[in-house]
Amino acid sequence: MTRTLETKPHNATHWSTRSMAKALGMSQTAIARIWRAFGLQPHRSETFKLSTDPHFVEKVRDVVGLYVRPPEHALVLSVDEKSQIQALDRTQPLLPMRPGQAERRTYDYKRHGTTSLFAALDVKSGRVIGQLHRRHRTQEFLAFLRMIESKVPKEQEVHLILDNYGTHKTQPVKRWLLKHPRFHLHFTPTSASWLNLVERFFAELTEKQLRRGVHRSVRELEEAIVAHIEAHNTAGKAFVWTKSADEILERVAAACERISNSGH
């Protein structure tokens, strides 16, 4: 355990069962059993990034508060763009799954262009308002805001949860918001896209439609995306936010402490 957690082999970045067994004079089976018992997986590595936003705490409390206690008679929409979605076609036909063998596809592909999905997730109902554009600029974002405006009852206040992308803060957008005072913007902290609930919908879209999809044109790709949104809205499934702001801040504080004490 000590060797695994506190040292590295001289000729590699991490231990394997073979190298650890050789270093300690034990069997690979014993090493694997011990690692499994303590949940150690030296071969795996994950990424992270802590936000350095000076208003991190206030923004977390603001956004999470909208998730767990949304204002009455108002609509809370989690908004973001999934940009540069590629229409990809494999260079050869796929080999379908059969007993004992997974579906197989060529590793290379043909590109047929890109599109961008502007999406607004209704936090309460789970329904998605989507709009597709070939480009990703201020005018496209304004077009999406106008679409939201047309679909939301006039008497409702609208709270939009957004990230800090530049197109969300341009002068034309600010002027539009001044003319539509029922729209209220709430920004997530920088480098904290995980706090935007619509990212959960994007993950579902990628997993169920995009990663293994074959699209021979941008139009074909856009039709598949629209079909997925319609199916999602028909199912009427909402994503439930379960972490309180205090729980999130405690975990971030613990991560900061680990980094401070890591010696790196």
C-alpha atoms as a PDB file:
ATOM      1  CA  MET A   1       0.000   0.000   0.000  1.00  0.00           C
ATOM      2  CA  THR A   2       2.769   2.445   0.933  1.00  0.00           C
ATOM      3  CA  ARG A   3       4.771   1.692  -2.209  1.00  0.00           C
ATOM      4  CA  THR A   4       1.681   2.092  -4.381  1.00  0.00           C
ATOM      5  CA  LEU A   5       0.556   5.400  -2.890  1.00  0.00           C
ATOM      6  CA  GLU A   6       3.875   7.098  -2.192  1.00  0.00           C
ATOM      7  CA  THR A   7       6.347   5.893  -4.823  1.00  0.00           C
ATOM      8  CA  LYS A   8       6.712   5.334  -8.559  1.00  0.00           C
ATOM      9  CA  PRO A   9       8.845   2.839 -10.488  1.00  0.00           C
ATOM     10  CA  HIS A  10      12.113   4.316 -11.789  1.00  0.00           C
ATOM     11  CA  ASN A  11      11.215   3.614 -15.419  1.00  0.00           C
ATOM     12  CA  ALA A  12       7.474   4.424 -15.574  1.00  0.00           C
ATOM     13  CA  THR A  13       4.846   6.904 -14.418  1.00  0.00           C
ATOM     14  CA  HIS A  14       2.833   4.320 -12.452  1.00  0.00           C
ATOM     15  CA  TRP A  15       2.971   0.815 -11.068  1.00  0.00           C
ATOM     16  CA  SER A  16       1.585  -2.275 -12.790  1.00  0.00           C
ATOM     17  CA  THR A  17       0.867  -5.576 -11.074  1.00  0.00           C
ATOM     18  CA  ARG A  18       3.913  -7.028 -12.847  1.00  0.00           C
ATOM     19  CA  SER A  19       6.341  -4.249 -11.840  1.00  0.00           C
ATOM     20  CA  MET A  20       5.055  -4.112  -8.247  1.00  0.00           C
ATOM     21  CA  ALA A  21       5.232  -7.890  -7.916  1.00  0.00           C
ATOM     22  CA  LYS A  22       8.836  -7.860  -9.153  1.00  0.00           C
ATOM     23  CA  ALA A  23       9.799  -4.991  -6.819  1.00  0.00           C
ATOM     24  CA  LEU A  24       8.341  -6.701  -3.730  1.00  0.00           C
ATOM     25  CA  GLY A  25       8.981 -10.340  -4.581  1.00  0.00           C
ATOM     26  CA  MET A  26       5.268 -11.164  -4.543  1.00  0.00           C
ATOM     27  CA  SER A  27       2.910 -12.711  -7.090  1.00  0.00           C
ATOM     28  CA  GLN A  28       0.876 -10.608  -9.524  1.00  0.00           C
ATOM     29  CA  THR A  29      -2.255 -12.291  -8.195  1.00  0.00           C
ATOM     30  CA  ALA A  30      -1.509 -11.103  -4.664  1.00  0.00           C
ATOM     31  CA  ILE A  31      -0.841  -7.538  -5.841  1.00  0.00           C
ATOM     32  CA  ALA A  32      -4.098  -7.491  -7.848  1.00  0.00           C
ATOM     33  CA  ARG A  33      -6.049  -8.829  -4.855  1.00  0.00           C
ATOM     34  CA  ILE A  34      -4.633  -6.180  -2.487  1.00  0.00           C
ATOM     35  CA  TRP A  35      -5.245  -3.332  -4.929  1.00  0.00           C
ATOM     36  CA  ARG A  36      -8.788  -4.535  -5.517  1.00  0.00           C
ATOM     37  CA  ALA A  37      -9.470  -4.742  -1.772  1.00  0.00           C
ATOM     38  CA  PHE A  38      -8.399  -1.115  -1.245  1.00  0.00           C
ATOM     39  CA  GLY A  39      -9.845   0.280  -4.485  1.00  0.00           C
ATOM     40  CA  LEU A  40      -6.457   1.162  -6.005  1.00  0.00           C
ATOM     41  CA  GLN A  41      -6.151   1.454  -9.795  1.00  0.00           C
ATOM     42  CA  PRO A  42      -2.714   2.867 -10.662  1.00  0.00           C
ATOM     43  CA  HIS A  43      -3.350   2.425 -14.399  1.00  0.00           C
ATOM     44  CA  ARG A  44      -6.237   4.916 -14.302  1.00  0.00           C
ATOM     45  CA  SER A  45      -5.973   8.703 -14.290  1.00  0.00           C
ATOM     46  CA  GLU A  46      -8.685  11.357 -14.362  1.00  0.00           C
ATOM     47  CA  THR A  47      -8.652  15.098 -14.978  1.00  0.00           C
ATOM     48  CA  PHE A  48      -9.901  18.001 -12.873  1.00  0.00           C
ATOM     49  CA  LYS A  49      -9.781  21.776 -12.746  1.00  0.00           C
ATOM     50  CA  LEU A  50     -10.621  24.022  -9.816  1.00  0.00           C
ATOM     51  CA  SER A  51     -12.259  27.329 -10.591  1.00  0.00           C
ATOM     52  CA  THR A  52     -10.270  30.446  -9.690  1.00  0.00           C
ATOM     53  CA  ASP A  53     -13.326  32.705 -10.008  1.00  0.00           C
ATOM     54  CA  PRO A  54     -13.152  35.291  -7.171  1.00  0.00           C
ATOM     55  CA  HIS A  55     -16.960  35.051  -6.862  1.00  0.00           C
ATOM     56  CA  PHE A  56     -17.048  31.262  -6.884  1.00  0.00           C
ATOM     57  CA  VAL A  57     -18.959  30.855  -3.604  1.00  0.00           C
ATOM     58  CA  GLU A  58     -21.633  33.428  -4.451  1.00  0.00           C
ATOM     59  CA  LYS A  59     -22.177  31.985  -7.931  1.00  0.00           C
ATOM     60  CA  VAL A  60     -22.430  28.403  -6.662  1.00  0.00           C
ATOM     61  CA  ARG A  61     -25.047  29.414  -4.085  1.00  0.00           C
ATOM     62  CA  ASP A  62     -26.968  31.428  -6.679  1.00  0.00           C
ATOM     63  CA  VAL A  63     -27.077  28.689  -9.334  1.00  0.00           C
ATOM     64  CA  VAL A  64     -27.726  25.779  -6.964  1.00  0.00           C
ATOM     65  CA  GLY A  65     -30.436  27.822  -5.271  1.00  0.00           C
ATOM     66  CA  LEU A  66     -32.237  28.080  -8.627  1.00  0.00           C
ATOM     67  CA  TYR A  67     -32.036  24.300  -9.015  1.00  0.00           C
ATOM     68  CA  VAL A  68     -33.294  23.299  -5.577  1.00  0.00           C
ATOM     69  CA  ARG A  69     -35.602  26.240  -4.809  1.00  0.00           C
ATOM     70  CA  PRO A  70     -36.684  27.813  -8.096  1.00  0.00           C
ATOM     71  CA  PRO A  71     -38.696  31.039  -7.779  1.00  0.00           C
ATOM     72  CA  GLU A  72     -42.472  30.698  -8.016  1.00  0.00           C
ATOM     73  CA  HIS A  73     -44.236  31.684 -11.235  1.00  0.00           C
ATOM     74  CA  ALA A  74     -40.894  31.818 -13.050  1.00  0.00           C
ATOM     75  CA  LEU A  75     -39.076  29.621 -15.529  1.00  0.00           C
ATOM     76  CA  VAL A  76     -35.494  28.488 -14.853  1.00  0.00           C
ATOM     77  CA  LEU A  77     -33.578  27.507 -17.992  1.00  0.00           C
ATOM     78  CA  SER A  78     -30.094  26.039 -18.081  1.00  0.00           C
ATOM     79  CA  VAL A  79     -28.588  27.343 -21.327  1.00  0.00           C
ATOM     80  CA  ASP A  80     -25.461  26.458 -23.275  1.00  0.00           C
ATOM     81  CA  GLU A  81     -24.159  25.705 -26.757  1.00  0.00           C
ATOM     82  CA  LYS A  82     -22.712  22.450 -27.989  1.00  0.00           C
ATOM     83  CA  SER A  83     -20.578  23.829 -30.772  1.00  0.00           C
ATOM     84  CA  GLN A  84     -18.773  22.265 -33.709  1.00  0.00           C
ATOM     85  CA  ILE A  85     -20.702  18.975 -33.740  1.00  0.00           C
ATOM     86  CA  GLN A  86     -19.203  17.021 -36.618  1.00  0.00           C
ATOM     87  CA  ALA A  87     -21.157  15.089 -39.221  1.00  0.00           C
ATOM     88  CA  LEU A  88     -18.985  11.968 -39.475  1.00  0.00           C
ATOM     89  CA  ASP A  89     -19.275   9.054 -41.870  1.00  0.00           C
ATOM     90  CA  ARG A  90     -17.088   5.935 -41.539  1.00  0.00           C
ATOM     91  CA  THR A  91     -14.896   5.045 -44.497  1.00  0.00           C
ATOM     92  CA  GLN A  92     -16.263   1.479 -44.613  1.00  0.00           C
ATOM     93  CA  PRO A  93     -19.558  -0.154 -43.534  1.00  0.00           C
ATOM     94  CA  LEU A  94     -19.695  -1.205 -39.883  1.00  0.00           C
ATOM     95  CA  LEU A  95     -19.700  -4.842 -38.824  1.00  0.00           C
ATOM     96  CA  PRO A  96     -22.814  -5.378 -36.654  1.00  0.00           C
ATOM     97  CA  MET A  97     -22.730  -6.974 -33.228  1.00  0.00           C
ATOM     98  CA  ARG A  98     -23.084 -10.740 -33.005  1.00  0.00           C
ATOM     99  CA  PRO A  99     -22.811 -13.259 -30.165  1.00  0.00           C
ATOM    100  CA  GLY A 100     -19.357 -13.028 -28.625  1.00  0.00           C
ATOM    101  CA  GLN A 101     -18.300 -10.012 -30.678  1.00  0.00           C
ATOM    102  CA  ALA A 102     -18.971  -6.295 -30.238  1.00  0.00           C
ATOM    103  CA  GLU A 103     -20.037  -4.000 -33.040  1.00  0.00           C
ATOM    104  CA  ARG A 104     -16.975  -2.914 -35.014  1.00  0.00           C
ATOM    105  CA  ARG A 105     -16.351   0.203 -37.068  1.00  0.00           C
ATOM    106  CA  THR A 106     -13.349   1.680 -38.827  1.00  0.00           C
ATOM    107  CA  TYR A 107     -11.202   4.020 -36.768  1.00  0.00           C
ATOM    108  CA  ASP A 108     -11.035   6.581 -39.596  1.00  0.00           C
ATOM    109  CA  TYR A 109     -13.907   8.662 -40.921  1.00  0.00           C
ATOM    110  CA  LYS A 110     -15.002  11.280 -43.429  1.00  0.00           C
ATOM    111  CA  ARG A 111     -15.964  14.766 -42.259  1.00  0.00           C
ATOM    112  CA  HIS A 112     -19.046  16.360 -43.822  1.00  0.00           C
ATOM    113  CA  GLY A 113     -19.215  19.671 -41.952  1.00  0.00           C
ATOM    114  CA  THR A 114     -20.330  20.877 -38.535  1.00  0.00           C
ATOM    115  CA  THR A 115     -23.307  22.378 -36.755  1.00  0.00           C
ATOM    116  CA  SER A 116     -23.877  23.948 -33.327  1.00  0.00           C
ATOM    117  CA  LEU A 117     -26.763  23.231 -30.975  1.00  0.00           C
ATOM    118  CA  PHE A 118     -28.126  26.027 -28.787  1.00  0.00           C
ATOM    119  CA  ALA A 119     -30.132  24.405 -25.990  1.00  0.00           C
ATOM    120  CA  ALA A 120     -32.200  25.586 -23.020  1.00  0.00           C
ATOM    121  CA  LEU A 121     -33.138  22.931 -20.460  1.00  0.00           C
ATOM    122  CA  ASP A 122     -36.234  23.627 -18.362  1.00  0.00           C
ATOM    123  CA  VAL A 123     -34.953  22.688 -14.912  1.00  0.00           C
ATOM    124  CA  LYS A 124     -38.416  21.756 -13.610  1.00  0.00           C
ATOM    125  CA  SER A 125     -39.862  19.731 -16.497  1.00  0.00           C
ATOM    126  CA  GLY A 126     -36.676  18.547 -18.208  1.00  0.00           C
ATOM    127  CA  ARG A 127     -37.937  19.706 -21.604  1.00  0.00           C
ATOM    128  CA  VAL A 128     -35.387  21.179 -24.000  1.00  0.00           C
ATOM    129  CA  ILE A 129     -35.734  24.133 -26.347  1.00  0.00           C
ATOM    130  CA  GLY A 130     -33.196  23.665 -29.127  1.00  0.00           C
ATOM    131  CA  GLN A 131     -32.027  25.604 -32.141  1.00  0.00           C
ATOM    132  CA  LEU A 132     -29.348  24.628 -34.662  1.00  0.00           C
ATOM    133  CA  HIS A 133     -26.981  27.028 -36.391  1.00  0.00           C
ATOM    134  CA  ARG A 134     -24.025  26.486 -38.679  1.00  0.00           C
ATOM    135  CA  ARG A 135     -22.075  29.233 -36.870  1.00  0.00           C
ATOM    136  CA  HIS A 136     -21.659  30.222 -33.242  1.00  0.00           C
ATOM    137  CA  ARG A 137     -21.678  34.010 -32.877  1.00  0.00           C
ATOM    138  CA  THR A 138     -23.555  36.800 -31.114  1.00  0.00           C
ATOM    139  CA  GLN A 139     -26.254  36.938 -33.813  1.00  0.00           C
ATOM    140  CA  GLU A 140     -26.953  33.225 -33.452  1.00  0.00           C
ATOM    141  CA  PHE A 141     -27.217  33.561 -29.675  1.00  0.00           C
ATOM    142  CA  LEU A 142     -29.602  36.506 -30.087  1.00  0.00           C
ATOM    143  CA  ALA A 143     -31.709  34.435 -32.471  1.00  0.00           C
ATOM    144  CA  PHE A 144     -31.892  31.753 -29.798  1.00  0.00           C
ATOM    145  CA  LEU A 145     -32.928  34.290 -27.140  1.00  0.00           C
ATOM    146  CA  ARG A 146     -35.699  35.476 -29.440  1.00  0.00           C
ATOM    147  CA  MET A 147     -36.825  31.873 -29.873  1.00  0.00           C
ATOM    148  CA  ILE A 148     -36.999  31.423 -26.095  1.00  0.00           C
ATOM    149  CA  GLU A 149     -38.928  34.692 -25.846  1.00  0.00           C
ATOM    150  CA  SER A 150     -41.488  33.393 -28.342  1.00  0.00           C
ATOM    151  CA  LYS A 151     -42.013  30.096 -26.514  1.00  0.00           C
ATOM    152  CA  VAL A 152     -42.304  31.321 -22.911  1.00  0.00           C
ATOM    153  CA  PRO A 153     -45.644  32.805 -21.727  1.00  0.00           C
ATOM    154  CA  LYS A 154     -45.418  36.596 -21.522  1.00  0.00           C
ATOM    155  CA  GLU A 155     -46.358  36.740 -17.845  1.00  0.00           C
ATOM    156  CA  GLN A 156     -43.454  34.519 -16.724  1.00  0.00           C
ATOM    157  CA  GLU A 157     -40.098  35.737 -15.466  1.00  0.00           C
ATOM    158  CA  VAL A 158     -37.201  33.861 -17.095  1.00  0.00           C
ATOM    159  CA  HIS A 159     -33.968  32.975 -15.289  1.00  0.00           C
ATOM    160  CA  LEU A 160     -31.155  31.824 -17.574  1.00  0.00           C
ATOM    161  CA  ILE A 161     -28.164  29.915 -16.195  1.00  0.00           C
ATOM    162  CA  LEU A 162     -25.174  30.486 -18.490  1.00  0.00           C
ATOM    163  CA  ASP A 163     -21.433  30.045 -18.630  1.00  0.00           C
ATOM    164  CA  ASN A 164     -18.981  32.875 -19.253  1.00  0.00           C
ATOM    165  CA  TYR A 165     -18.580  32.438 -23.009  1.00  0.00           C
ATOM    166  CA  GLY A 166     -17.925  35.748 -24.759  1.00  0.00           C
ATOM    167  CA  THR A 167     -21.085  35.755 -26.906  1.00  0.00           C
ATOM    168  CA  HIS A 168     -23.225  35.831 -23.740  1.00  0.00           C
ATOM    169  CA  LYS A 169     -21.843  39.217 -22.681  1.00  0.00           C
ATOM    170  CA  THR A 170     -21.582  41.291 -25.849  1.00  0.00           C
ATOM    171  CA  GLN A 171     -23.142  44.739 -26.190  1.00  0.00           C
ATOM    172  CA  PRO A 172     -25.917  43.582 -28.573  1.00  0.00           C
ATOM    173  CA  VAL A 173     -26.929  40.935 -26.007  1.00  0.00           C
ATOM    174  CA  LYS A 174     -26.904  43.514 -23.200  1.00  0.00           C
ATOM    175  CA  ARG A 175     -29.080  45.850 -25.266  1.00  0.00           C
ATOM    176  CA  TRP A 176     -31.531  43.026 -25.986  1.00  0.00           C
ATOM    177  CA  LEU A 177     -31.750  42.204 -22.273  1.00  0.00           C
ATOM    178  CA  LEU A 178     -32.486  45.839 -21.412  1.00  0.00           C
ATOM    179  CA  LYS A 179     -35.476  45.682 -23.765  1.00  0.00           C
ATOM    180  CA  HIS A 180     -36.622  42.398 -22.188  1.00  0.00           C
ATOM    181  CA  PRO A 181     -36.398  42.982 -18.416  1.00  0.00           C
ATOM    182  CA  ARG A 182     -38.152  39.718 -17.539  1.00  0.00           C
ATOM    183  CA  PHE A 183     -34.958  37.876 -18.524  1.00  0.00           C
ATOM    184  CA  HIS A 184     -32.454  37.461 -15.677  1.00  0.00           C
ATOM    185  CA  LEU A 185     -28.957  36.036 -16.256  1.00  0.00           C
ATOM    186  CA  HIS A 186     -27.080  33.910 -13.721  1.00  0.00           C
ATOM    187  CA  PHE A 187     -23.505  32.995 -14.602  1.00  0.00           C
ATOM    188  CA  THR A 188     -21.712  29.855 -13.462  1.00  0.00           C
ATOM    189  CA  PRO A 189     -18.170  30.308 -12.106  1.00  0.00           C
ATOM    190  CA  THR A 190     -15.364  30.207 -14.661  1.00  0.00           C
ATOM    191  CA  SER A 191     -14.044  26.681 -15.322  1.00  0.00           C
ATOM    192  CA  ALA A 192     -17.149  25.164 -13.724  1.00  0.00           C
ATOM    193  CA  SER A 193     -19.242  23.923 -16.636  1.00  0.00           C
ATOM    194  CA  TRP A 194     -20.273  20.932 -14.470  1.00  0.00           C
ATOM    195  CA  LEU A 195     -22.557  23.359 -12.621  1.00  0.00           C
ATOM    196  CA  ASN A 196     -24.678  23.906 -15.739  1.00  0.00           C
ATOM    197  CA  LEU A 197     -27.400  21.244 -15.760  1.00  0.00           C
ATOM    198  CA  VAL A 198     -27.855  21.306 -19.539  1.00  0.00           C
ATOM    199  CA  GLU A 199     -24.441  19.624 -19.780  1.00  0.00           C
ATOM    200  CA  ARG A 200     -26.187  16.479 -18.532  1.00  0.00           C
ATOM    201  CA  PHE A 201     -28.462  16.603 -21.563  1.00  0.00           C
ATOM    202  CA  PHE A 202     -25.462  17.133 -23.868  1.00  0.00           C
ATOM    203  CA  ALA A 203     -23.817  14.052 -22.346  1.00  0.00           C
ATOM    204  CA  GLU A 204     -26.953  12.020 -23.071  1.00  0.00           C
ATOM    205  CA  LEU A 205     -27.092  13.345 -26.636  1.00  0.00           C
ATOM    206  CA  THR A 206     -23.453  12.396 -27.204  1.00  0.00           C
ATOM    207  CA  GLU A 207     -23.840   8.932 -25.724  1.00  0.00           C
ATOM    208  CA  LYS A 208     -27.097   7.989 -27.427  1.00  0.00           C
ATOM    209  CA  GLN A 209     -26.851   9.754 -30.767  1.00  0.00           C
ATOM    210  CA  LEU A 210     -23.509  11.309 -31.685  1.00  0.00           C
ATOM    211  CA  ARG A 211     -20.643   9.045 -30.578  1.00  0.00           C
ATOM    212  CA  ARG A 212     -21.665   6.055 -32.698  1.00  0.00           C
ATOM    213  CA  GLY A 213     -23.840   7.876 -35.204  1.00  0.00           C
ATOM    214  CA  VAL A 214     -23.128   7.840 -38.938  1.00  0.00           C
ATOM    215  CA  HIS A 215     -24.133  11.075 -40.675  1.00  0.00           C
ATOM    216  CA  ARG A 216     -23.361  11.671 -44.344  1.00  0.00           C
ATOM    217  CA  SER A 217     -24.303  15.355 -44.313  1.00  0.00           C
ATOM    218  CA  VAL A 218     -24.897  18.201 -41.882  1.00  0.00           C
ATOM    219  CA  ARG A 219     -28.607  18.040 -42.663  1.00  0.00           C
ATOM    220  CA  GLU A 220     -28.677  14.358 -41.716  1.00  0.00           C
ATOM    221  CA  LEU A 221     -26.861  15.183 -38.466  1.00  0.00           C
ATOM    222  CA  GLU A 222     -29.275  18.011 -37.642  1.00  0.00           C
ATOM    223  CA  GLU A 223     -32.281  15.780 -38.309  1.00  0.00           C
ATOM    224  CA  ALA A 224     -30.874  13.213 -35.878  1.00  0.00           C
ATOM    225  CA  ILE A 225     -30.354  15.889 -33.200  1.00  0.00           C
ATOM    226  CA  VAL A 226     -33.894  17.242 -33.642  1.00  0.00           C
ATOM    227  CA  ALA A 227     -35.293  13.700 -33.402  1.00  0.00           C
ATOM    228  CA  HIS A 228     -33.373  13.125 -30.177  1.00  0.00           C
ATOM    229  CA  ILE A 229     -34.685  16.361 -28.632  1.00  0.00           C
ATOM    230  CA  GLU A 230     -38.258  15.437 -29.582  1.00  0.00           C
ATOM    231  CA  ALA A 231     -37.880  11.970 -28.062  1.00  0.00           C
ATOM    232  CA  HIS A 232     -36.375  13.455 -24.904  1.00  0.00           C
ATOM    233  CA  ASN A 233     -39.234  15.945 -24.552  1.00  0.00           C
ATOM    234  CA  THR A 234     -41.838  13.244 -25.126  1.00  0.00           C
ATOM    235  CA  ALA A 235     -40.356  11.144 -22.325  1.00  0.00           C
ATOM    236  CA  GLY A 236     -40.727  14.124 -19.969  1.00  0.00           C
ATOM    237  CA  LYS A 237     -37.745  13.199 -17.822  1.00  0.00           C
ATOM    238  CA  ALA A 238     -36.201  15.900 -15.645  1.00  0.00           C
ATOM    239  CA  PHE A 239     -32.628  15.793 -14.344  1.00  0.00           C
ATOM    240  CA  VAL A 240     -32.719  16.195 -10.557  1.00  0.00           C
ATOM    241  CA  TRP A 241     -29.955  18.223  -8.889  1.00  0.00           C
ATOM    242  CA  THR A 242     -29.041  16.461  -5.639  1.00  0.00           C
ATOM    243  CA  LYS A 243     -26.030  18.321  -4.175  1.00  0.00           C
ATOM    244  CA  SER A 244     -26.552  21.328  -1.930  1.00  0.00           C
ATOM    245  CA  ALA A 245     -24.297  24.365  -2.240  1.00  0.00           C
ATOM    246  CA  ASP A 246     -22.735  23.553   1.138  1.00  0.00           C
ATOM    247  CA  GLU A 247     -21.867  20.006   0.022  1.00  0.00           C
ATOM    248  CA  ILE A 248     -20.259  21.310  -3.180  1.00  0.00           C
ATOM    249  CA  LEU A 249     -18.225  23.940  -1.338  1.00  0.00           C
ATOM    250  CA  GLU A 250     -17.057  21.388   1.239  1.00  0.00           C
ATOM    251  CA  ARG A 251     -15.792  19.060  -1.494  1.00  0.00           C
ATOM    252  CA  VAL A 252     -14.018  21.910  -3.278  1.00  0.00           C
ATOM    253  CA  ALA A 253     -12.408  22.988   0.010  1.00  0.00           C
ATOM    254  CA  ALA A 254     -11.226  19.415   0.595  1.00  0.00           C
ATOM    255  CA  ALA A 255      -9.744  19.272  -2.896  1.00  0.00           C
ATOM    256  CA  CYS A 256      -7.932  22.580  -2.317  1.00  0.00           C
ATOM    257  CA  GLU A 257      -6.497  21.221   0.923  1.00  0.00           C
ATOM    258  CA  ARG A 258      -5.277  18.041  -0.796  1.00  0.00           C
ATOM    259  CA  ILE A 259      -3.574  20.117  -3.485  1.00  0.00           C
ATOM    260  CA  SER A 260      -1.931  22.347  -0.882  1.00  0.00           C
ATOM    261  CA  ASN A 261      -0.590  19.306   0.970  1.00  0.00           C
ATOM    262  CA  SER A 262       0.424  17.281  -2.085  1.00  0.00           C
ATOM    263  CA  GLY A 263       3.984  18.610  -2.205  1.00  0.00           C
ATOM    264  CA  HIS A 264       3.727  19.553  -5.916  1.00  0.00           C
END
